[in-house]
């Protein structure tokens, strides 16, 4: 089955079941005026369903999952203030200042996946073409590879609670 048909079928299933999608956000870097007021922000860039290492939007476009956060003011971190933890707190604060509902799940750092035959043959994000079958790599090892059709069906069934 062509990838576009597979994605359309996946989207139809998610819409019909009323599965909630999540926000996509893009980073916007502002230099300010004379260096004053410079800041980064997350701006809405659409909506998609997170299906493991993939995001699919209502138009059937596919993205490689990046990072996930919530639009909420982070609480105080009294102990164990690692650099990674502080970075996550800062990103939550940036998301909270953005144009997102409080508590909304926000996907950022995602990458579009090219779905043309040449890109798939070369390896487009987590997708590859093996013996004419589109495969998705969902783990760093060789065991984490599955046909895209089966992978999407499994992920949709998890979201539907089947």
Protein backbone atom coordinates (compact mmCIF):
# COMPACT_ATOMS: atom_id res chain seq x y z
CA UNK A 1 0.00 0.00 0.00
CA UNK A 2 1.41 3.45 -0.87
CA UNK A 3 2.56 5.47 2.15
CA UNK A 4 0.09 8.28 1.41
CA UNK A 5 -2.84 5.81 1.50
CA UNK A 6 -1.53 4.23 4.68
CA UNK A 7 -1.26 7.62 6.38
CA UNK A 8 -4.73 8.65 5.18
CA UNK A 9 -6.18 5.42 6.61
CA UNK A 10 -4.34 6.03 9.89
CA UNK A 11 -5.66 9.59 10.14
CA UNK A 12 -9.20 8.44 9.32
CA UNK A 13 -9.04 5.87 12.14
CA UNK A 14 -7.78 8.42 14.65
CA UNK A 15 -10.38 11.04 13.67
CA UNK A 16 -13.24 8.51 13.69
CA UNK A 17 -12.25 7.35 17.17
CA UNK A 18 -11.96 10.92 18.45
CA UNK A 19 -8.34 10.45 19.52
CA UNK A 20 -6.95 13.74 20.78
CA UNK A 21 -4.06 15.19 18.84
CA UNK A 22 -1.20 17.24 20.27
CA UNK A 23 0.31 20.61 19.48
CA UNK A 24 3.27 20.98 17.16
CA UNK A 25 5.49 23.93 17.98
CA UNK A 26 8.37 25.60 16.19
CA UNK A 27 11.15 27.56 17.84
CA UNK A 28 11.19 31.28 17.13
CA UNK A 29 14.37 33.14 17.99
CA UNK A 30 14.05 36.86 18.63
CA UNK A 31 17.09 39.12 18.71
CA UNK A 32 15.25 42.00 20.31
CA UNK A 33 16.31 45.60 19.72
CA UNK A 34 19.99 46.30 20.32
CA UNK A 35 20.16 42.96 22.09
CA UNK A 36 17.52 44.00 24.63
CA UNK A 37 14.48 41.77 24.89
CA UNK A 38 16.10 38.87 23.06
CA UNK A 39 14.27 35.64 23.75
CA UNK A 40 13.28 32.29 22.37
CA UNK A 41 9.68 31.23 22.11
CA UNK A 42 7.61 28.28 20.96
CA UNK A 43 4.93 29.14 18.44
CA UNK A 44 2.07 26.91 17.26
CA UNK A 45 2.90 25.04 14.04
CA UNK A 46 -0.08 22.70 13.72
CA UNK A 47 -1.36 19.57 15.41
CA UNK A 48 -0.49 15.91 15.08
CA UNK A 49 -0.83 12.53 16.71
CA UNK A 50 2.28 11.09 18.32
CA UNK A 51 2.74 7.50 17.20
CA UNK A 52 5.99 6.50 18.87
CA UNK A 53 8.90 7.85 16.84
CA UNK A 54 6.49 9.40 14.32
CA UNK A 55 4.05 12.28 14.27
CA UNK A 56 1.26 12.35 11.68
CA UNK A 57 -0.99 15.34 11.05
CA UNK A 58 -4.48 15.52 9.57
CA UNK A 59 -3.05 16.25 6.12
CA UNK A 60 -1.13 12.97 6.16
CA UNK A 61 2.26 14.62 6.60
CA UNK A 62 4.77 12.66 8.63
CA UNK A 63 7.38 13.97 11.05
CA UNK A 64 10.14 12.44 13.15
CA UNK A 65 9.34 13.00 16.81
CA UNK A 66 11.57 15.50 18.58
CA UNK A 67 11.07 16.50 22.21
CA UNK A 68 7.88 16.78 24.23
CA UNK A 69 6.92 19.23 26.95
CA UNK A 70 3.81 20.69 28.54
CA UNK A 71 2.66 24.28 28.59
CA UNK A 72 2.91 24.91 32.31
CA UNK A 73 4.85 26.95 34.77
CA UNK A 74 7.45 24.64 36.27
CA UNK A 75 7.49 24.22 40.01
CA UNK A 76 10.54 24.86 42.10
CA UNK A 77 13.28 22.28 41.90
CA UNK A 78 14.66 22.10 45.42
CA UNK A 79 16.95 19.11 45.00
CA UNK A 80 18.83 17.31 42.28
CA UNK A 81 19.05 20.29 39.94
CA UNK A 82 20.79 18.70 36.98
CA UNK A 83 21.56 20.71 33.85
CA UNK A 84 19.14 18.55 31.84
CA UNK A 85 16.41 19.06 34.44
CA UNK A 86 16.93 22.81 34.41
CA UNK A 87 16.75 22.82 30.61
CA UNK A 88 13.41 20.93 30.71
CA UNK A 89 12.09 23.41 33.30
CA UNK A 90 13.14 26.34 31.08
CA UNK A 91 11.41 24.82 28.05
CA UNK A 92 8.19 24.28 30.07
CA UNK A 93 8.31 27.95 31.11
CA UNK A 94 8.82 29.05 27.48
CA UNK A 95 5.89 26.84 26.40
CA UNK A 96 3.71 28.31 29.17
CA UNK A 97 4.34 31.82 27.80
CA UNK A 98 3.35 30.68 24.30
CA UNK A 99 -0.05 30.53 22.68
CA UNK A 100 -0.97 27.10 24.08
CA UNK A 101 -3.64 25.94 26.51
CA UNK A 102 -2.37 25.41 30.04
CA UNK A 103 -1.14 21.84 30.46
CA UNK A 104 -1.22 21.09 26.73
CA UNK A 105 1.28 18.56 25.38
CA UNK A 106 3.65 20.25 22.94
CA UNK A 107 5.93 18.51 20.45
CA UNK A 108 8.97 20.56 19.41
CA UNK A 109 12.19 19.80 17.59
CA UNK A 110 10.36 17.53 15.14
CA UNK A 111 11.61 17.06 11.58
CA UNK A 112 9.53 16.56 8.42
CA UNK A 113 10.02 13.17 6.76
CA UNK A 114 10.28 13.08 2.98
CA UNK A 115 8.07 10.33 1.57
CA UNK A 116 9.19 10.24 -2.06
CA UNK A 117 10.78 7.00 -3.31
CA UNK A 118 14.31 8.44 -3.56
CA UNK A 119 14.23 9.79 0.01
CA UNK A 120 12.83 6.54 1.39
CA UNK A 121 15.49 4.53 -0.45
CA UNK A 122 18.18 6.79 1.04
CA UNK A 123 16.60 6.63 4.51
CA UNK A 124 14.30 9.50 5.45
CA UNK A 125 14.43 10.04 9.20
CA UNK A 126 13.40 6.81 10.88
CA UNK A 127 12.02 5.39 7.59
CA UNK A 128 13.86 3.18 5.15
CA UNK A 129 12.92 1.11 2.15
CA UNK A 130 13.85 -2.58 2.32
CA UNK A 131 12.91 -4.88 -0.54
CA UNK A 132 10.14 -2.50 -1.57
CA UNK A 133 8.64 -2.32 1.95
CA UNK A 134 8.71 0.92 3.95
CA UNK A 135 10.21 0.15 7.34
CA UNK A 136 10.37 2.28 10.49
CA UNK A 137 13.30 2.14 12.91
CA UNK A 138 11.97 2.71 16.41
CA UNK A 139 15.04 1.61 18.35
CA UNK A 140 18.76 2.09 17.88
CA UNK A 141 19.34 -1.66 17.52
CA UNK A 142 18.47 -3.92 14.62
CA UNK A 143 15.59 -5.43 16.59
CA UNK A 144 13.67 -2.14 16.56
CA UNK A 145 12.62 -2.23 12.90
CA UNK A 146 9.14 -3.02 11.61
CA UNK A 147 7.06 -2.50 8.47
CA UNK A 148 5.46 0.95 8.64
CA UNK A 149 1.98 -0.50 8.11
CA UNK A 150 2.28 -2.82 11.12
CA UNK A 151 3.98 -0.17 13.25
CA UNK A 152 1.18 2.36 12.63
CA UNK A 153 -1.52 -0.26 13.27
CA UNK A 154 0.12 -1.17 16.59
CA UNK A 155 0.45 2.47 17.65
CA UNK A 156 -3.15 3.30 16.71
CA UNK A 157 -4.38 0.27 18.63
CA UNK A 158 -2.51 1.50 21.73
CA UNK A 159 -4.17 4.93 21.43
CA UNK A 160 -7.57 3.29 20.98
CA UNK A 161 -7.02 1.04 23.97
CA UNK A 162 -7.53 -2.16 21.97
